[in-house]
Amino acid sequence: MSYMPVVLHRMMLFALLSGIFFASANVDASGFDPVPVYAVFPPLKHHISADEALATGHVLDETYAMAAPASRSWHIAFLFPHIKDPYWIGCSYGVISEARRLGVAVDIFPAEGYDDLVGQLRRMDEAIASKYDAIVISPISQTADNASIARARAHGIPVFELANDSNSDDLTIKITSSLKSMGGDATRWLIRDAQKRGLKTVNVALLPGPVDAGWVKGEVEGTLEAARHAPIKVNIVDIRYGDSDLIGQSQLASALLARHGKTLDYIIGCSGCAPAAVLPVKMSGLSGKVRIVAYDLTREVAEFVRRGEIVASADTKAVSQARVAINAAVNFLEKRELEMPHTRLVKLGMLDRSNYAGYNFDVSIAPKGYEPVLSYVPIRPPMPK
């Protein structure tokens, strides 16, 4: 196998600039318990989302067990939208820890954010040219990555989807969670909380993340559906889209509060968006009145839940998704699982202060103090002469 020097050079430069390292420390290679999933098999329509597959395909309720170590050092590329927030750091932990256990080489190539589609497409071209054995992509767009996925497949490279959804028919398998259920679960928790507060009508604003991302579309659809079927009146008063960086989301949260703060009851935000709303709510003097719910769980979100500054969070279990994705890739390359389902959806969790003490965070978030790692190459004993 040949590897393009430019790819490794860019990865090392990114590491030096961002403080991300290529060491193999701080990861647990002991494996994981079987992951509860829904496996979705055909018949299915073409160009559908994971949630559409779940609603229309043949669904099996099962668990996904860790794969046996690989017979050779397969080289797998992972394409992330970025690694700027704890969600993708959790995914990197799941990837690197399993690469160590499985004995495979991995490189994680982050784009610079959800506004860097060109960067992700360029990294895909580089991964294809480098002849990786498999590519795992977390698409920035539900449709715009499709041509590059098809090009990889045409070059004989299997492509696996991780977390972010795509409607490409050229994927070997999708590994994600029900993004619509993520929105629905967060909203239904909010509705129950509002009923406990004695509210008959609630005003809700959404900070869902970048507009073109498949996971954002899923969470918003889930929220709107749960609101339509709520036993109380749920008014979605505003939806403000934007990349999930802290500064941008803080500005969006401040704008929401400036416009709706006097009448607003809840903000629901993505894993990078909900934490960004905490300080604006405090500075507006609305703590307690405006409650924040997160669409997904990270270590940062969990800490805010512990302190009561975010009241609850749905949990798509990022670490588990990453573990299942790399295991699925290895099983495919080892020809252990030739008939894969169309989609595997990791079952969701829900965190609030009532279950915080007993929650199994290992399936969802990286350990405290984990430093993100972008590359791992196994050390194997020399072959006998």
Protein backbone atom coordinates (compact mmCIF):
# COMPACT_ATOMS: atom_id res chain seq x y z
CA MET A 1 0.00 0.00 0.00
CA SER A 2 1.21 3.51 -0.81
CA TYR A 3 0.40 6.54 1.32
CA MET A 4 0.48 10.10 0.06
CA PRO A 5 3.09 12.16 1.93
CA VAL A 6 0.89 15.24 1.58
CA VAL A 7 -1.84 13.57 3.65
CA LEU A 8 0.46 12.74 6.53
CA HIS A 9 2.16 16.13 6.29
CA ARG A 10 -1.16 17.96 6.59
CA MET A 11 -2.25 15.73 9.45
CA MET A 12 0.97 16.39 11.37
CA LEU A 13 0.75 20.14 10.69
CA PHE A 14 -2.84 20.16 11.95
CA ALA A 15 -1.70 18.37 15.09
CA LEU A 16 1.08 20.84 15.80
CA LEU A 17 -1.22 23.81 15.34
CA SER A 18 -4.09 22.44 17.39
CA GLY A 19 -2.24 20.58 20.14
CA ILE A 20 -3.61 17.20 19.02
CA PHE A 21 -1.15 14.35 19.35
CA PHE A 22 -0.43 11.07 17.61
CA ALA A 23 0.51 9.11 20.69
CA SER A 24 -1.30 5.95 21.69
CA ALA A 25 -1.62 6.88 25.36
CA ASN A 26 -4.78 7.58 27.32
CA VAL A 27 -6.90 5.00 25.50
CA ASP A 28 -8.42 1.82 26.88
CA ALA A 29 -7.90 -1.17 24.60
CA SER A 30 -9.81 -3.68 26.73
CA GLY A 31 -12.87 -3.83 24.47
CA PHE A 32 -16.51 -3.08 25.07
CA ASP A 33 -19.76 -4.74 26.08
CA PRO A 34 -22.18 -5.64 23.27
CA VAL A 35 -23.92 -2.50 21.98
CA PRO A 36 -27.74 -2.55 21.68
CA VAL A 37 -28.64 -1.67 18.08
CA TYR A 38 -31.37 -1.85 15.48
CA ALA A 39 -30.19 -3.61 12.32
CA VAL A 40 -32.17 -2.61 9.21
CA PHE A 41 -32.27 -4.89 6.17
CA PRO A 42 -33.89 -4.53 2.71
CA PRO A 43 -36.26 -4.24 0.99
CA LEU A 44 -35.66 -0.50 0.97
CA LYS A 45 -36.10 2.40 -1.41
CA HIS A 46 -33.10 4.15 -2.94
CA HIS A 47 -31.47 7.31 -1.54
CA ILE A 48 -33.09 7.21 1.89
CA SER A 49 -32.03 8.42 5.30
CA ALA A 50 -31.28 6.11 8.21
CA ASP A 51 -34.56 7.10 9.85
CA GLU A 52 -36.47 6.34 6.64
CA ALA A 53 -34.76 2.95 6.56
CA LEU A 54 -35.76 2.34 10.18
CA ALA A 55 -39.38 3.19 9.36
CA THR A 56 -39.66 1.07 6.19
CA GLY A 57 -37.09 -1.74 6.28
CA HIS A 58 -36.91 -5.12 7.98
CA VAL A 59 -35.70 -4.26 11.50
CA LEU A 60 -33.98 -6.62 13.93
CA ASP A 61 -33.48 -5.71 17.59
CA GLU A 62 -30.03 -7.06 18.47
CA THR A 63 -26.67 -6.37 20.09
CA TYR A 64 -23.38 -5.80 18.30
CA ALA A 65 -20.42 -7.57 19.89
CA MET A 66 -16.80 -6.55 19.48
CA ALA A 67 -14.93 -8.16 16.62
CA ALA A 68 -11.94 -10.45 17.01
CA PRO A 69 -8.54 -8.84 16.35
CA ALA A 70 -7.64 -8.45 12.70
CA SER A 71 -5.35 -10.84 10.86
CA ARG A 72 -3.39 -7.96 9.33
CA SER A 73 -2.82 -4.24 9.86
CA TRP A 74 -5.62 -2.90 7.68
CA HIS A 75 -5.30 0.84 7.09
CA ILE A 76 -8.55 2.75 7.58
CA ALA A 77 -9.19 6.47 7.02
CA PHE A 78 -11.78 8.36 9.08
CA LEU A 79 -13.15 11.65 7.74
CA PHE A 80 -14.67 13.84 10.48
CA PRO A 81 -16.33 17.25 9.97
CA HIS A 82 -13.95 18.65 12.58
CA ILE A 83 -12.55 17.79 15.98
CA LYS A 84 -13.40 21.07 17.70
CA ASP A 85 -15.92 19.77 20.24
CA PRO A 86 -16.24 16.90 22.71
CA TYR A 87 -18.58 14.89 20.48
CA TRP A 88 -15.92 14.24 17.85
CA ILE A 89 -13.26 13.85 20.53
CA GLY A 90 -15.47 11.04 21.87
CA CYS A 91 -15.60 9.52 18.39
CA SER A 92 -11.81 9.73 18.12
CA TYR A 93 -11.53 7.91 21.46
CA GLY A 94 -13.82 5.13 20.24
CA VAL A 95 -11.83 4.78 17.01
CA ILE A 96 -8.34 4.83 18.53
CA SER A 97 -9.12 2.54 21.46
CA GLU A 98 -10.60 -0.05 19.13
CA ALA A 99 -7.78 0.30 16.60
CA ARG A 100 -5.36 -0.65 19.38
CA ARG A 101 -7.43 -3.67 20.38
CA LEU A 102 -8.06 -4.81 16.81
CA GLY A 103 -4.48 -4.25 15.64
CA VAL A 104 -5.30 -2.00 12.68
CA ALA A 105 -3.87 1.33 11.52
CA VAL A 106 -6.13 4.39 11.45
CA ASP A 107 -5.83 8.01 10.38
CA ILE A 108 -8.47 10.58 11.32
CA PHE A 109 -8.71 13.51 8.91
CA PRO A 110 -10.92 16.31 10.25
CA ALA A 111 -12.22 19.07 8.04
CA GLU A 112 -12.32 22.54 9.58
CA GLY A 113 -16.06 22.57 10.34
CA TYR A 114 -19.48 22.17 8.79
CA ASP A 115 -18.75 25.08 6.45
CA ASP A 116 -15.72 23.22 5.05
CA LEU A 117 -17.36 20.80 2.61
CA VAL A 118 -14.58 21.52 0.11
CA GLY A 119 -12.04 20.43 2.71
CA GLN A 120 -13.83 17.16 3.40
CA LEU A 121 -14.15 16.40 -0.32
CA ARG A 122 -10.43 17.09 -0.75
CA ARG A 123 -9.60 14.72 2.11
CA MET A 124 -11.76 12.06 0.48
CA ASP A 125 -9.83 12.47 -2.78
CA GLU A 126 -6.56 12.13 -0.86
CA ALA A 127 -7.79 9.01 0.96
CA ILE A 128 -8.81 7.42 -2.36
CA ALA A 129 -5.43 8.29 -3.92
CA SER A 130 -3.66 6.85 -0.86
CA LYS A 131 -5.43 3.50 -1.41
CA TYR A 132 -6.72 3.01 2.09
CA ASP A 133 -8.33 -0.37 2.68
CA ALA A 134 -11.53 1.32 3.89
CA ILE A 135 -12.88 4.81 4.46
CA VAL A 136 -15.27 5.79 7.25
CA ILE A 137 -16.92 9.15 6.59
CA SER A 138 -19.03 11.39 8.79
CA PRO A 139 -20.57 13.45 5.99
CA ILE A 140 -20.83 17.21 6.31
CA SER A 141 -23.83 17.15 3.96
CA GLN A 142 -26.57 14.57 3.52
CA THR A 143 -26.17 14.72 -0.28
CA ALA A 144 -23.06 16.69 -1.29
CA ASP A 145 -20.62 13.90 -0.31
CA ASN A 146 -22.42 11.31 -2.46
CA ALA A 147 -20.32 11.70 -5.61
CA SER A 148 -17.08 11.25 -3.66
CA ILE A 149 -18.50 8.17 -1.89
CA ALA A 150 -19.38 6.69 -5.30
CA ARG A 151 -15.86 7.49 -6.57
CA ALA A 152 -14.28 5.63 -3.66
CA ARG A 153 -16.45 2.61 -4.32
CA ALA A 154 -15.51 2.72 -8.02
CA HIS A 155 -11.87 2.48 -6.90
CA GLY A 156 -12.68 -0.64 -4.89
CA ILE A 157 -12.60 1.04 -1.48
CA PRO A 158 -15.55 0.26 0.82
CA VAL A 159 -17.04 3.34 2.49
CA PHE A 160 -18.76 3.23 5.87
CA GLU A 161 -20.87 6.02 7.36
CA LEU A 162 -20.38 7.14 10.97
CA ALA A 163 -22.88 9.28 12.91
CA ASN A 164 -23.80 11.91 10.32
CA ASP A 165 -26.36 10.70 7.81
CA SER A 166 -26.14 10.49 4.03
CA ASN A 167 -28.62 9.25 1.44
CA SER A 168 -25.89 7.68 -0.71
CA ASP A 169 -26.59 4.19 -2.09
CA ASP A 170 -22.84 3.50 -2.39
CA LEU A 171 -22.16 3.08 1.32
CA THR A 172 -21.24 -0.37 2.60
CA ILE A 173 -23.24 0.32 5.76
CA LYS A 174 -24.48 3.23 7.84
CA ILE A 175 -23.57 3.32 11.53
CA THR A 176 -25.55 6.01 13.29
CA SER A 177 -28.43 6.56 15.71
CA SER A 178 -32.00 7.57 15.01
CA LEU A 179 -31.50 11.29 14.56
CA LYS A 180 -35.23 11.85 14.45
CA SER A 181 -35.59 10.00 17.76
CA MET A 182 -32.83 12.17 19.21
CA GLY A 183 -34.99 15.23 18.55
CA GLY A 184 -38.13 13.47 19.68
CA ASP A 185 -36.66 12.16 22.94
CA ALA A 186 -35.24 15.56 23.92
CA THR A 187 -38.56 17.25 23.16
CA ARG A 188 -40.68 14.68 24.98
CA TRP A 189 -38.48 15.08 28.06
CA LEU A 190 -39.06 18.84 27.82
CA ILE A 191 -42.83 18.32 27.58
CA ARG A 192 -42.88 16.13 30.68
CA ASP A 193 -40.78 18.69 32.54
CA ALA A 194 -43.13 21.50 31.47
CA GLN A 195 -46.11 19.53 32.77
CA LYS A 196 -44.34 19.11 36.12
CA ARG A 197 -43.89 22.89 36.19
CA GLY A 198 -47.63 23.29 35.63
CA LEU A 199 -47.20 24.91 32.20
CA LYS A 200 -50.09 24.55 29.75
CA THR A 201 -48.22 26.23 26.89
CA VAL A 202 -44.46 26.33 26.28
CA ASN A 203 -42.37 28.47 23.97
CA VAL A 204 -39.29 26.71 22.64
CA ALA A 205 -36.34 27.96 20.57
CA LEU A 206 -33.95 25.63 18.74
CA LEU A 207 -30.21 25.87 18.19
CA PRO A 208 -29.87 22.67 16.16
CA GLY A 209 -26.53 23.23 14.40
CA PRO A 210 -25.53 23.61 10.72
CA VAL A 211 -28.46 23.67 8.32
CA ASP A 212 -27.27 21.11 5.74
CA ALA A 213 -26.12 18.38 8.13
CA GLY A 214 -28.25 15.23 8.15
CA TRP A 215 -28.25 15.01 11.94
CA VAL A 216 -29.62 18.53 12.20
CA LYS A 217 -32.50 17.74 9.86
CA GLY A 218 -33.27 14.64 11.91
CA GLU A 219 -33.31 16.36 15.28
CA VAL A 220 -35.49 19.22 14.00
CA GLU A 221 -37.95 16.80 12.38
CA GLY A 222 -38.12 14.82 15.62
CA THR A 223 -38.79 17.97 17.64
CA LEU A 224 -41.51 19.19 15.30
CA GLU A 225 -43.24 15.81 15.31
CA ALA A 226 -43.10 15.52 19.12
CA ALA A 227 -44.46 19.07 19.41
CA ARG A 228 -47.39 18.25 17.11
CA HIS A 229 -48.39 15.27 19.25
CA ALA A 230 -47.79 16.88 22.65
CA PRO A 231 -50.53 16.88 25.31
CA ILE A 232 -49.82 20.60 25.87
CA LYS A 233 -49.32 23.44 23.39
CA VAL A 234 -45.69 23.58 22.21
CA ASN A 235 -44.76 26.68 20.19
CA ILE A 236 -41.48 26.51 18.27
CA VAL A 237 -40.87 30.24 18.23
CA ASP A 238 -37.49 30.33 16.50
CA ILE A 239 -34.90 28.06 14.85
CA ARG A 240 -31.40 29.46 14.33
CA TYR A 241 -28.90 27.39 12.36
CA GLY A 242 -25.13 27.70 12.44
CA ASP A 243 -21.86 25.79 12.84
CA SER A 244 -21.50 24.24 16.28
CA ASP A 245 -18.60 26.41 17.47
CA LEU A 246 -18.82 28.09 20.89
CA ILE A 247 -18.55 31.72 19.78
CA GLY A 248 -21.02 31.48 16.92
CA GLN A 249 -23.57 29.57 18.97
CA SER A 250 -23.22 31.97 21.91
CA GLN A 251 -24.07 34.81 19.54
CA LEU A 252 -27.10 32.91 18.23
CA ALA A 253 -28.25 32.18 21.79
CA SER A 254 -27.90 35.84 22.74
CA ALA A 255 -29.94 36.86 19.72
CA LEU A 256 -32.67 34.37 20.65
CA LEU A 257 -32.84 35.68 24.19
CA ALA A 258 -32.86 39.31 23.07
CA ARG A 259 -35.88 38.62 20.88
CA HIS A 260 -37.82 36.02 22.88
CA GLY A 261 -36.35 36.01 26.38
CA LYS A 262 -39.42 37.40 28.17
CA THR A 263 -41.68 34.67 26.80
CA LEU A 264 -39.22 31.81 26.24
CA ASP A 265 -39.41 28.66 28.36
CA TYR A 266 -36.83 26.31 26.80
CA ILE A 267 -33.88 26.21 24.43
CA ILE A 268 -32.97 22.90 22.81
CA GLY A 269 -29.47 22.82 21.34
CA CYS A 270 -27.02 20.41 19.76
CA SER A 271 -24.08 19.03 21.75
CA GLY A 272 -21.98 22.07 20.85
CA CYS A 273 -24.91 24.50 20.91
CA ALA A 274 -26.56 23.82 24.27
CA PRO A 275 -23.40 24.56 26.32
CA ALA A 276 -22.97 27.81 24.37
CA ALA A 277 -26.39 28.96 25.59
CA VAL A 278 -25.58 28.57 29.30
CA LEU A 279 -23.71 31.86 29.78
CA PRO A 280 -26.13 33.97 27.67
CA VAL A 281 -29.04 32.65 29.74
CA LYS A 282 -27.21 33.56 32.95
CA MET A 283 -26.25 37.02 31.69
CA SER A 284 -29.86 37.66 30.65
CA GLY A 285 -31.02 36.94 34.21
CA LEU A 286 -33.19 34.08 32.96
CA SER A 287 -31.63 31.12 34.78
CA GLY A 288 -34.42 28.89 36.04
CA LYS A 289 -37.02 30.43 33.75
CA VAL A 290 -35.38 29.43 30.45
CA ARG A 291 -34.26 25.83 30.72
CA ILE A 292 -31.73 24.29 28.34
CA VAL A 293 -32.06 20.76 26.93
CA ALA A 294 -29.33 19.16 24.80
CA TYR A 295 -29.96 17.03 21.73
CA ASP A 296 -26.85 14.97 22.43
CA LEU A 297 -24.39 14.10 25.16
CA THR A 298 -20.73 15.05 25.57
CA ARG A 299 -18.58 15.27 28.69
CA GLU A 300 -19.15 19.03 28.70
CA VAL A 301 -22.92 18.56 28.49
CA ALA A 302 -22.80 15.93 31.24
CA GLU A 303 -21.01 18.36 33.56
CA PHE A 304 -23.64 21.02 32.88
CA VAL A 305 -26.36 18.45 33.66
CA ARG A 306 -24.62 17.58 36.93
CA ARG A 307 -24.67 21.27 37.87
CA GLY A 308 -28.25 21.76 36.73
CA GLU A 309 -27.33 24.35 34.08
CA ILE A 310 -28.53 22.00 31.34
CA VAL A 311 -31.52 20.09 32.61
CA ALA A 312 -31.35 17.00 30.36
CA SER A 313 -29.68 15.51 27.31
CA ALA A 314 -30.55 12.86 24.77
CA ASP A 315 -27.60 10.56 24.08
CA THR A 316 -26.67 9.12 20.68
CA LYS A 317 -23.65 7.39 22.28
CA ALA A 318 -20.84 8.73 20.11
CA VAL A 319 -18.20 6.36 21.50
CA SER A 320 -20.39 3.33 20.83
CA GLN A 321 -21.09 4.48 17.28
CA ALA A 322 -17.36 4.83 16.60
CA ARG A 323 -16.67 1.42 18.11
CA VAL A 324 -19.33 -0.26 16.01
CA ALA A 325 -18.11 1.52 12.85
CA ILE A 326 -14.47 0.42 13.10
CA ASN A 327 -15.51 -3.10 14.11
CA ALA A 328 -17.88 -3.30 11.14
CA ALA A 329 -15.07 -2.16 8.81
CA VAL A 330 -12.69 -4.80 10.17
CA ASN A 331 -15.30 -7.56 9.98
CA PHE A 332 -15.98 -6.61 6.35
CA LEU A 333 -12.30 -6.50 5.40
CA GLU A 334 -11.74 -9.84 7.13
CA LYS A 335 -14.70 -11.27 5.14
CA ARG A 336 -16.45 -12.23 8.37
CA GLU A 337 -19.66 -10.34 7.60
CA LEU A 338 -20.35 -10.21 3.88
CA GLU A 339 -24.11 -9.65 4.17
CA MET A 340 -24.33 -6.48 6.21
CA PRO A 341 -27.56 -4.65 6.97
CA HIS A 342 -28.21 -1.35 5.25
CA THR A 343 -28.04 0.49 8.60
CA ARG A 344 -27.15 -0.17 12.22
CA LEU A 345 -28.61 2.35 14.65
CA VAL A 346 -27.18 2.48 18.15
CA LYS A 347 -30.01 2.78 20.65
CA LEU A 348 -30.34 6.12 22.42
CA GLY A 349 -30.02 7.07 26.06
CA MET A 350 -31.41 10.00 28.08
CA LEU A 351 -29.55 11.76 30.90
CA ASP A 352 -30.87 14.09 33.59
CA ARG A 353 -30.03 14.65 37.24
CA SER A 354 -32.30 11.79 38.34
CA ASN A 355 -30.13 9.11 36.68
CA TYR A 356 -26.78 10.91 36.57
CA ALA A 357 -25.17 8.94 39.42
CA GLY A 358 -25.73 5.55 37.79
CA TYR A 359 -25.29 6.48 34.13
CA ASN A 360 -22.83 4.43 32.04
CA PHE A 361 -20.80 7.23 30.48
CA ASP A 362 -18.21 4.85 28.98
CA VAL A 363 -20.55 4.00 26.10
CA SER A 364 -21.01 7.66 25.22
CA ILE A 365 -18.10 9.97 26.01
CA ALA A 366 -14.31 9.91 26.23
CA PRO A 367 -12.73 9.51 29.67
CA LYS A 368 -11.94 12.64 31.63
CA GLY A 369 -8.61 14.09 30.58
CA TYR A 370 -8.51 12.23 27.27
CA GLU A 371 -6.39 14.01 24.67
CA PRO A 372 -7.64 13.47 21.12
CA VAL A 373 -5.51 11.25 18.92
CA LEU A 374 -5.56 11.41 15.12
CA SER A 375 -3.45 8.42 14.13
CA TYR A 376 -2.49 4.98 15.33
CA VAL A 377 -0.18 2.37 13.80
CA PRO A 378 0.03 -1.01 15.56
CA ILE A 379 3.39 -2.33 16.64
CA ARG A 380 3.60 -5.89 15.40
CA PRO A 381 6.41 -8.41 16.04
CA PRO A 382 8.79 -9.00 13.09
CA MET A 383 7.84 -11.81 10.73
CA PRO A 384 9.94 -14.99 11.18
CA LYS A 385 12.74 -15.45 8.65
